[in-house]
Amino acid sequence: MAATIVPAGTRYVWLDNDKLKLRGLLSKPIDCFAVLGDATRLPFSDASADWTLMVEVSHHLPAEAFDDCLDEAARVTRNRFIFVDAVRGIRLRSKLLWQLDLGRFPRTEDDLLVALGQRFEFETIKRFRVNHDHLLCVCVPRLNGGGSVGD
């Protein structure tokens, strides 16, 4: 779903802290750079990425790491940040699935929106359901807590 938002012809840089996942990515016919790294300390310059995506990651991160990751995303993003993740909700099916999920830090939609809103201005917020309820946000980084970065 996020791929339909990113401009055509985008060159992807895939960052992961798992060598096995990166090896699997590189074995596929996908045109991208693979970077072994930590999302809480991105190895990129300020405003070096036109678009930054965080897809199905936040529920794997404890609070401090999640905050650091969002800070880093805001630092490196020049134009837009896309956030997609499942949210902790009240549906029985979702509650049962969270018991099986490897991610131990599901957050409510409100918690996610507050954390994102501290660093970004919302351009689009969408909700969809795939087993869990999900949140998709397209955001613009804030500058010094003030205005937003333009195109």
Protein backbone atom coordinates (compact mmCIF):
# COMPACT_ATOMS: atom_id res chain seq x y z
CA MET A 1 0.00 0.00 0.00
CA ALA A 2 2.78 2.46 0.84
CA ALA A 3 4.48 1.70 -2.49
CA THR A 4 1.50 3.22 -4.32
CA ILE A 5 2.17 6.57 -2.60
CA VAL A 6 5.89 6.86 -3.33
CA PRO A 7 6.72 8.47 -6.70
CA ALA A 8 7.43 6.17 -9.64
CA GLY A 9 11.12 5.61 -10.31
CA THR A 10 12.06 5.89 -6.65
CA ARG A 11 15.36 4.23 -5.74
CA TYR A 12 15.00 2.32 -2.48
CA VAL A 13 17.52 1.97 0.33
CA TRP A 14 16.47 -0.89 2.59
CA LEU A 15 17.82 -0.61 6.13
CA ASP A 16 17.66 -3.55 8.53
CA ASN A 17 19.62 -4.70 11.54
CA ASP A 18 19.24 -8.36 10.54
CA LYS A 19 21.91 -9.71 8.14
CA LEU A 20 19.72 -12.71 7.27
CA LYS A 21 16.83 -10.49 6.16
CA LEU A 22 19.17 -8.36 4.07
CA ARG A 23 20.67 -11.46 2.47
CA GLY A 24 17.15 -12.63 1.59
CA LEU A 25 16.33 -9.23 0.11
CA LEU A 26 19.47 -9.26 -2.04
CA SER A 27 18.56 -12.70 -3.40
CA LYS A 28 15.39 -11.22 -4.96
CA PRO A 29 15.16 -9.29 -8.22
CA ILE A 30 14.63 -5.97 -6.43
CA ASP A 31 16.55 -2.88 -7.46
CA CYS A 32 17.62 -1.35 -4.16
CA PHE A 33 20.55 -0.72 -1.87
CA ALA A 34 20.75 -2.86 1.27
CA VAL A 35 22.18 -1.23 4.39
CA LEU A 36 22.94 -3.03 7.63
CA GLY A 37 22.16 -0.54 10.36
CA ASP A 38 20.14 0.62 13.32
CA ALA A 39 17.06 2.80 12.77
CA THR A 40 17.76 4.61 16.05
CA ARG A 41 21.09 5.84 14.61
CA LEU A 42 20.60 6.17 10.86
CA PRO A 43 23.84 6.27 8.85
CA PHE A 44 22.56 9.07 6.60
CA SER A 45 23.02 12.85 6.49
CA ASP A 46 20.36 15.33 7.54
CA ALA A 47 17.59 15.73 4.94
CA SER A 48 19.28 13.15 2.69
CA ALA A 49 16.17 11.10 1.84
CA ASP A 50 13.34 12.52 -0.23
CA TRP A 51 10.96 9.91 1.19
CA THR A 52 11.36 7.74 4.29
CA LEU A 53 9.18 4.74 5.06
CA MET A 54 8.67 2.91 8.35
CA VAL A 55 6.54 -0.14 7.60
CA GLU A 56 5.46 -2.65 10.27
CA VAL A 57 8.35 -1.73 12.57
CA SER A 58 7.06 0.28 15.53
CA HIS A 59 5.42 -2.64 17.33
CA HIS A 60 8.87 -4.27 17.59
CA LEU A 61 10.43 -1.26 19.36
CA PRO A 62 10.36 -0.37 23.07
CA ALA A 63 9.38 3.24 23.84
CA GLU A 64 12.87 4.79 23.83
CA ALA A 65 13.90 3.07 20.60
CA PHE A 66 10.61 4.07 18.94
CA ASP A 67 11.16 7.71 19.91
CA ASP A 68 14.77 7.60 18.69
CA CYS A 69 13.68 6.00 15.43
CA LEU A 70 11.09 8.74 14.79
CA ASP A 71 13.66 11.42 15.66
CA GLU A 72 16.05 9.93 13.13
CA ALA A 73 13.35 9.64 10.48
CA ALA A 74 12.50 13.31 10.96
CA ARG A 75 16.19 14.21 10.73
CA VAL A 76 16.91 12.43 7.44
CA THR A 77 13.58 13.03 5.67
CA ARG A 78 13.51 15.91 3.21
CA ASN A 79 9.95 15.67 1.83
CA ARG A 80 7.65 12.94 3.15
CA PHE A 81 7.61 10.24 5.82
CA ILE A 82 5.27 7.28 5.40
CA PHE A 83 4.36 5.35 8.52
CA VAL A 84 2.43 2.07 8.40
CA ASP A 85 1.82 -0.28 11.31
CA ALA A 86 -0.78 -2.33 13.11
CA VAL A 87 -2.42 -0.74 16.13
CA ARG A 88 -3.42 -2.24 19.44
CA GLY A 89 -7.19 -2.26 19.53
CA ILE A 90 -10.17 -3.82 21.21
CA ARG A 91 -11.11 -6.44 18.58
CA LEU A 92 -10.85 -9.99 19.97
CA ARG A 93 -9.14 -11.33 16.83
CA SER A 94 -6.49 -8.62 17.06
CA LYS A 95 -5.91 -9.25 20.77
CA LEU A 96 -5.39 -12.95 20.08
CA LEU A 97 -3.01 -12.26 17.19
CA TRP A 98 -0.91 -9.92 19.34
CA GLN A 99 -0.33 -12.87 21.67
CA LEU A 100 1.34 -14.70 18.75
CA ASP A 101 3.16 -11.76 17.18
CA LEU A 102 6.91 -11.34 17.70
CA GLY A 103 6.38 -7.62 18.20
CA ARG A 104 5.94 -7.03 21.92
CA PHE A 105 5.18 -3.31 21.83
CA PRO A 106 1.88 -2.69 20.03
CA ARG A 107 0.59 0.85 20.51
CA THR A 108 -2.83 2.38 20.28
CA GLU A 109 -3.69 4.62 17.36
CA ASP A 110 -3.79 7.60 19.71
CA ASP A 111 -0.30 6.84 21.05
CA LEU A 112 1.09 6.54 17.51
CA LEU A 113 -0.56 9.77 16.35
CA VAL A 114 0.81 11.69 19.35
CA ALA A 115 4.36 10.38 18.77
CA LEU A 116 4.21 11.12 15.05
CA GLY A 117 2.62 14.52 15.61
CA GLN A 118 5.53 15.63 17.80
CA ARG A 119 7.89 15.31 14.84
CA PHE A 120 5.72 15.56 11.74
CA GLU A 121 2.71 17.34 10.32
CA PHE A 122 0.07 15.00 8.94
CA GLU A 123 -0.75 15.19 5.27
CA THR A 124 -2.86 12.01 5.09
CA ILE A 125 -4.14 9.57 7.70
CA LYS A 126 -5.77 6.34 6.54
CA ARG A 127 -6.99 3.31 8.39
CA PHE A 128 -7.31 -0.20 6.99
CA ARG A 129 -7.65 -3.73 8.27
CA VAL A 130 -5.52 -6.81 7.55
CA ASN A 131 -6.01 -9.10 10.56
CA HIS A 132 -5.14 -6.11 12.79
CA ASP A 133 -6.38 -2.57 12.35
CA HIS A 134 -3.62 -0.54 10.69
CA LEU A 135 -2.66 3.08 10.50
CA LEU A 136 -1.07 4.66 7.42
CA CYS A 137 0.19 8.22 7.74
CA VAL A 138 1.88 10.40 5.16
CA CYS A 139 3.71 13.15 7.02
CA VAL A 140 5.93 16.16 6.48
CA PRO A 141 8.83 16.72 8.89
CA ARG A 142 8.59 19.70 11.23
CA LEU A 143 11.42 22.22 11.33
CA ASN A 144 12.44 23.18 14.88
CA GLY A 145 8.92 22.45 16.12
CA GLY A 146 7.57 25.07 13.71
CA GLY A 147 6.68 25.04 10.05
CA SER A 148 7.04 22.17 7.64
CA VAL A 149 9.56 21.29 5.01
CA GLY A 150 8.31 22.08 1.52
CA ASP A 151 8.74 20.13 -1.69
